[in-house]
Amino acid sequence: MTNIKTVLTALSMTLFIAGCGGGSSSSRTPPPPVPPVDDSPSGAWGGQAVTPDVLDTSTSFEFDDADGFVVGATPFSSDFQGGVAETRGNAALYNDGIYSWHVDTSATGTVGFETPAASVSFFTRAVAVTGIATVTFLDPDDNVLIGSNLLPLVFVVTDTFTEINVQRDRDLGEALIGSIKVEVVNGEVVIDSFNYGFPSSQAADDIGCVVAANNEFACAISDAATGEFVGGANGTLSVSVDQVSGSGSMYAAPGNFLANGLTTA
C-alpha cells in the first residue's frame, strides 16, 4: 500500500541516519527527503486510516413499509422498527414529501445504528393535540445519553413539527449515538426528514511500526484524539541502500472500519 510504504520509507530514513559512522558532519551525504504522506480521500489510508469520514444519510420515508426497514448501506445503515412508513394524504403530517414514519401506542419505535452515529436530526410532531410521546437517545450500551447541559437527552413531542438535532463530539469524550427510542403514551407521532452522520476524520491516526531482522514489519494504529487502539498492519519489506519497498495488509480492530468502509485492505 502506498501509504504504508511511505511510513516505512520514513522509518528507513531514521535508521539510515542513526547508522552513519563518526566523523565531521561535512563528510556525510545528506539523505534524500522523505516523500510526503499520501492523504488522498481515494486511498485506504485517507489521512485517517480507521475511523471513516462518511457522507450523511437522509430519508424522508417515501415508501410503504409496515414490517421494519433499513436505511443506508452497511456498515453505516440504520434499522427502523416498531413503526410504519406510509402516506395519509394529509400535508400537515409531512415535513418533506408525502410520506412519514408513524409510531403509535401499539409498539415502541426504535432506530438502531449499525455504526454509532455522531449526529442525528429529524422533524417530529404528534398527530393530535392529545398525543403524548418522548424521544430518547441512547449510547451503544443502551444507556441514556447526557447532553452538554448535563440533562438526559429525552425530548417531549408536541403537536407541531419541531426539529430535534443532536450532535456528539467524540474528541470531547462524548459517547456516540447507538440507538433512538420513540415511546408513545397516547395517540400517534410522526417523524420525517431523518438525517444522520458519523465522526469527522479531520485528525490523522497515529501509527507506530517495528521491523524485524527478517524484514517483516508490524504496525499499531491508534486514534490521534483518544489514543484508542483502532487497527494494525503487517507485511514484509526489502531494503536497497536507503530505499525501502514492500507490501502488507491493514486491519481494523473489532467495532471499527477502515476509511474505505471495509475491515481489511
Protein backbone atom coordinates (compact mmCIF):
# COMPACT_ATOMS: atom_id res chain seq x y z
CA MET A 1 0.00 0.00 0.00
CA THR A 2 1.38 3.44 -0.94
CA ASN A 3 0.95 4.97 2.47
CA ILE A 4 2.40 2.04 4.41
CA LYS A 5 5.36 2.30 2.03
CA THR A 6 5.60 5.98 2.88
CA VAL A 7 5.70 5.25 6.61
CA LEU A 8 8.31 2.53 6.10
CA THR A 9 10.40 4.86 3.94
CA ALA A 10 10.35 7.40 6.74
CA LEU A 11 11.44 4.69 9.20
CA SER A 12 14.28 3.67 6.93
CA MET A 13 15.49 7.28 6.79
CA THR A 14 15.70 7.32 10.58
CA LEU A 15 17.64 4.03 10.63
CA PHE A 16 19.95 5.28 7.88
CA ILE A 17 20.79 8.47 9.77
CA ALA A 18 21.29 6.62 13.07
CA GLY A 19 23.59 4.12 11.37
CA CYS A 20 26.02 6.70 9.95
CA GLY A 21 29.53 6.46 11.45
CA GLY A 22 31.55 9.12 13.27
CA GLY A 23 33.45 11.96 11.69
CA SER A 24 32.65 15.51 10.80
CA SER A 25 29.20 16.35 9.56
CA SER A 26 30.66 17.82 6.36
CA SER A 27 31.77 14.34 5.22
CA ARG A 28 28.31 12.88 5.38
CA THR A 29 25.97 12.69 2.40
CA PRO A 30 22.54 14.02 3.42
CA PRO A 31 19.70 11.50 2.96
CA PRO A 32 17.08 12.13 0.31
CA PRO A 33 13.96 13.98 1.52
CA VAL A 34 11.13 11.91 2.96
CA PRO A 35 8.23 11.78 0.47
CA PRO A 36 5.02 13.50 1.58
CA VAL A 37 2.30 11.43 3.17
CA ASP A 38 -0.44 10.48 0.71
CA ASP A 39 -3.69 11.52 2.38
CA SER A 40 -5.90 11.46 -0.69
CA PRO A 41 -9.55 10.57 0.06
CA SER A 42 -9.43 7.78 -2.52
CA GLY A 43 -6.75 5.84 -0.68
CA ALA A 44 -7.40 3.28 2.03
CA TRP A 45 -5.36 5.50 4.37
CA GLY A 46 -7.12 8.76 3.56
CA GLY A 47 -5.32 10.67 6.34
CA GLN A 48 -7.25 8.71 8.96
CA ALA A 49 -6.87 5.02 8.41
CA VAL A 50 -9.59 3.51 10.53
CA THR A 51 -12.25 5.99 11.61
CA PRO A 52 -14.24 6.69 8.45
CA ASP A 53 -15.38 10.04 7.13
CA VAL A 54 -18.72 9.13 5.53
CA LEU A 55 -21.39 11.27 3.93
CA ASP A 56 -24.57 11.82 5.94
CA THR A 57 -27.53 9.55 5.21
CA SER A 58 -31.00 11.05 4.80
CA THR A 59 -34.52 9.72 4.29
CA SER A 60 -37.99 11.26 4.11
CA PHE A 61 -39.59 7.77 4.20
CA GLU A 62 -41.05 7.96 0.69
CA PHE A 63 -42.14 4.30 0.69
CA ASP A 64 -44.68 1.94 2.26
CA ASP A 65 -43.33 -0.43 4.91
CA ALA A 66 -45.08 -1.82 7.99
CA ASP A 67 -42.62 -4.61 8.89
CA GLY A 68 -39.48 -2.66 9.79
CA PHE A 69 -36.90 -1.40 7.30
CA VAL A 70 -33.24 -0.48 6.88
CA VAL A 71 -31.96 2.88 5.61
CA GLY A 72 -28.42 3.31 4.25
CA ALA A 73 -25.75 0.79 3.33
CA THR A 74 -23.67 -1.41 5.64
CA PRO A 75 -21.66 -0.66 7.75
CA PHE A 76 -23.41 2.70 8.09
CA SER A 77 -27.05 1.60 7.99
CA SER A 78 -29.92 2.30 10.41
CA ASP A 79 -32.67 -0.14 11.36
CA PHE A 80 -36.21 1.18 11.97
CA GLN A 81 -38.62 -1.00 13.96
CA GLY A 82 -41.99 -0.58 15.66
CA GLY A 83 -43.48 1.99 13.29
CA VAL A 84 -44.98 2.30 9.81
CA ALA A 85 -43.72 4.30 6.81
CA GLU A 86 -46.79 5.43 4.91
CA THR A 87 -48.79 8.32 3.44
CA ARG A 88 -52.10 9.54 4.86
CA GLY A 89 -52.95 12.19 2.27
CA ASN A 90 -52.64 14.90 4.95
CA ALA A 91 -49.99 17.53 4.17
CA ALA A 92 -49.82 18.51 7.85
CA LEU A 93 -48.19 15.15 8.63
CA TYR A 94 -45.20 15.56 6.29
CA ASN A 95 -42.23 17.87 6.65
CA ASP A 96 -40.88 16.71 3.29
CA GLY A 97 -42.55 14.71 0.52
CA ILE A 98 -45.86 12.92 1.11
CA TYR A 99 -44.72 10.12 3.47
CA SER A 100 -43.52 9.96 7.07
CA TRP A 101 -42.73 7.36 9.75
CA HIS A 102 -45.71 6.81 12.10
CA VAL A 103 -45.38 5.41 15.64
CA ASP A 104 -48.35 4.82 17.95
CA THR A 105 -49.08 3.09 21.27
CA SER A 106 -49.02 -0.40 19.73
CA ALA A 107 -45.21 -0.64 19.87
CA THR A 108 -42.15 1.38 20.82
CA GLY A 109 -40.42 2.83 17.78
CA THR A 110 -36.66 2.21 17.65
CA VAL A 111 -33.81 3.29 15.38
CA GLY A 112 -30.60 1.28 15.75
CA PHE A 113 -27.35 2.42 14.13
CA GLU A 114 -25.06 -0.30 12.77
CA THR A 115 -22.11 2.05 13.40
CA PRO A 116 -22.67 4.56 16.25
CA ALA A 117 -23.61 7.97 14.83
CA ALA A 118 -22.18 11.36 15.78
CA SER A 119 -25.15 13.41 14.60
CA VAL A 120 -28.88 12.85 14.17
CA SER A 121 -31.57 15.34 13.16
CA PHE A 122 -35.22 14.96 12.22
CA PHE A 123 -38.62 16.65 12.46
CA THR A 124 -41.39 15.18 14.63
CA ARG A 125 -44.90 16.01 15.79
CA ALA A 126 -47.90 14.40 17.44
CA VAL A 127 -50.80 13.77 15.08
CA ALA A 128 -53.30 15.34 17.51
CA VAL A 129 -53.18 17.79 20.41
CA THR A 130 -53.83 14.91 22.82
CA GLY A 131 -50.76 12.99 21.63
CA ILE A 132 -48.11 12.33 24.26
CA ALA A 133 -44.72 10.87 23.37
CA THR A 134 -40.99 11.08 24.18
CA VAL A 135 -37.86 10.55 22.09
CA THR A 136 -34.80 9.20 23.95
CA PHE A 137 -31.21 8.98 22.68
CA LEU A 138 -29.11 6.03 23.89
CA ASP A 139 -25.41 5.19 23.69
CA PRO A 140 -24.13 1.88 22.15
CA ASP A 141 -24.58 0.21 25.59
CA ASP A 142 -28.25 1.33 25.83
CA ASN A 143 -27.55 3.99 28.44
CA VAL A 144 -29.45 7.29 28.12
CA LEU A 145 -27.12 9.91 26.63
CA ILE A 146 -26.42 13.05 28.65
CA GLY A 147 -26.35 16.44 26.90
CA SER A 148 -23.91 19.31 27.40
CA ASN A 149 -26.36 20.75 29.94
CA LEU A 150 -25.90 17.54 31.99
CA LEU A 151 -29.53 16.58 31.38
CA PRO A 152 -30.64 13.30 29.74
CA LEU A 153 -31.31 13.58 26.01
CA VAL A 154 -35.06 12.96 26.26
CA PHE A 155 -37.39 15.11 24.15
CA VAL A 156 -41.16 15.61 24.54
CA VAL A 157 -43.12 15.64 21.27
CA THR A 158 -45.68 18.42 20.67
CA ASP A 159 -48.49 18.72 18.11
CA THR A 160 -46.45 20.95 15.75
CA PHE A 161 -43.40 19.94 13.74
CA THR A 162 -40.23 20.53 15.78
CA GLU A 163 -36.68 19.72 14.75
CA ILE A 164 -34.63 17.52 17.08
CA ASN A 165 -30.89 17.88 16.44
CA VAL A 166 -28.29 16.00 18.50
CA GLN A 167 -24.54 16.40 17.87
CA ARG A 168 -21.90 14.34 19.70
CA ASP A 169 -18.18 15.19 19.86
CA ARG A 170 -16.08 12.10 20.45
CA ASP A 171 -12.93 14.23 20.80
CA LEU A 172 -14.52 15.75 23.93
CA GLY A 173 -15.22 12.30 25.34
CA GLU A 174 -18.92 12.30 24.48
CA ALA A 175 -20.43 8.87 23.78
CA LEU A 176 -21.84 8.41 20.29
CA ILE A 177 -25.46 7.60 19.43
CA GLY A 178 -26.18 3.87 19.42
CA SER A 179 -29.97 4.00 19.11
CA ILE A 180 -33.12 6.11 19.48
CA LYS A 181 -36.32 5.11 21.27
CA VAL A 182 -39.75 6.63 20.49
CA GLU A 183 -42.32 5.91 23.22
CA VAL A 184 -45.93 6.96 22.66
CA VAL A 185 -48.13 7.22 25.75
CA ASN A 186 -51.22 8.48 23.94
CA GLY A 187 -52.18 8.90 20.30
CA GLU A 188 -49.62 8.81 17.48
CA VAL A 189 -46.49 10.70 16.37
CA VAL A 190 -44.80 11.11 13.01
CA ILE A 191 -41.10 11.53 12.17
CA ASP A 192 -39.83 12.96 8.88
CA SER A 193 -36.67 14.37 7.20
CA PHE A 194 -34.41 11.97 9.13
CA ASN A 195 -30.65 12.59 8.79
CA TYR A 196 -27.59 11.03 10.47
CA GLY A 197 -23.82 11.23 10.15
CA PHE A 198 -20.56 9.94 11.62
CA PRO A 199 -17.46 11.41 13.31
CA SER A 200 -15.36 13.67 11.11
CA SER A 201 -11.91 12.40 10.16
CA GLN A 202 -10.07 15.72 10.19
CA ALA A 203 -7.31 14.46 12.50
CA ALA A 204 -4.93 11.76 11.34
CA ASP A 205 -4.48 8.47 13.16
CA ASP A 206 -1.17 7.74 14.86
CA ILE A 207 0.86 4.77 13.61
CA GLY A 208 3.89 3.10 15.17
CA CYS A 209 5.82 0.30 13.45
CA VAL A 210 8.60 -2.17 14.28
CA VAL A 211 10.75 -4.02 11.73
CA ALA A 212 12.23 -7.45 12.49
CA ALA A 213 15.62 -8.73 11.32
CA ASN A 214 13.93 -10.90 8.67
CA ASN A 215 12.36 -7.73 7.16
CA GLU A 216 8.86 -8.39 8.48
CA PHE A 217 7.07 -5.35 9.89
CA ALA A 218 4.14 -4.83 12.24
CA CYS A 219 2.29 -1.59 12.99
CA ALA A 220 -0.23 -0.47 15.60
CA ILE A 221 -2.77 2.26 14.68
CA SER A 222 -4.37 4.44 17.36
CA ASP A 223 -6.89 7.26 17.33
CA ALA A 224 -4.92 10.52 17.48
CA ALA A 225 -7.53 12.18 19.68
CA THR A 226 -8.25 9.43 22.23
CA GLY A 227 -5.24 7.10 21.98
CA GLU A 228 -7.61 4.15 21.50
CA PHE A 229 -6.20 1.16 19.57
CA VAL A 230 -8.18 1.03 16.33
CA GLY A 231 -6.23 -1.26 14.00
CA GLY A 232 -2.94 -2.71 12.84
CA ALA A 233 -0.86 -3.64 9.81
CA ASN A 234 1.77 -6.23 8.94
CA GLY A 235 3.77 -7.36 5.94
CA THR A 236 7.29 -7.67 4.52
CA LEU A 237 9.78 -5.20 3.07
CA SER A 238 13.11 -5.10 1.29
CA VAL A 239 15.90 -2.55 1.68
CA SER A 240 18.30 -1.38 -1.03
CA VAL A 241 20.83 1.10 0.41
CA ASP A 242 18.47 3.84 1.62
CA GLN A 243 15.31 2.84 -0.25
CA VAL A 244 12.52 0.67 1.16
CA SER A 245 9.78 -1.15 -0.70
CA GLY A 246 7.26 -3.71 0.45
CA SER A 247 3.62 -4.62 0.87
CA GLY A 248 1.27 -5.66 3.60
CA SER A 249 -2.27 -5.69 4.94
CA MET A 250 -4.12 -3.33 7.24
CA TYR A 251 -6.82 -4.47 9.66
CA ALA A 252 -9.44 -2.57 11.65
CA ALA A 253 -9.89 -3.55 15.29
CA PRO A 254 -13.30 -5.07 16.19
CA GLY A 255 -16.01 -2.43 16.03
CA ASN A 256 -14.00 -0.20 13.68
CA PHE A 257 -13.75 0.21 9.91
CA LEU A 258 -11.10 1.40 7.52
CA ALA A 259 -11.58 4.64 5.61
CA ASN A 260 -12.88 2.67 2.62
CA GLY A 261 -15.65 1.12 4.75
CA LEU A 262 -14.02 -2.33 4.92
CA THR A 263 -12.28 -4.13 7.79
CA THR A 264 -9.17 -5.20 5.84
CA ALA A 265 -7.17 -3.66 2.98
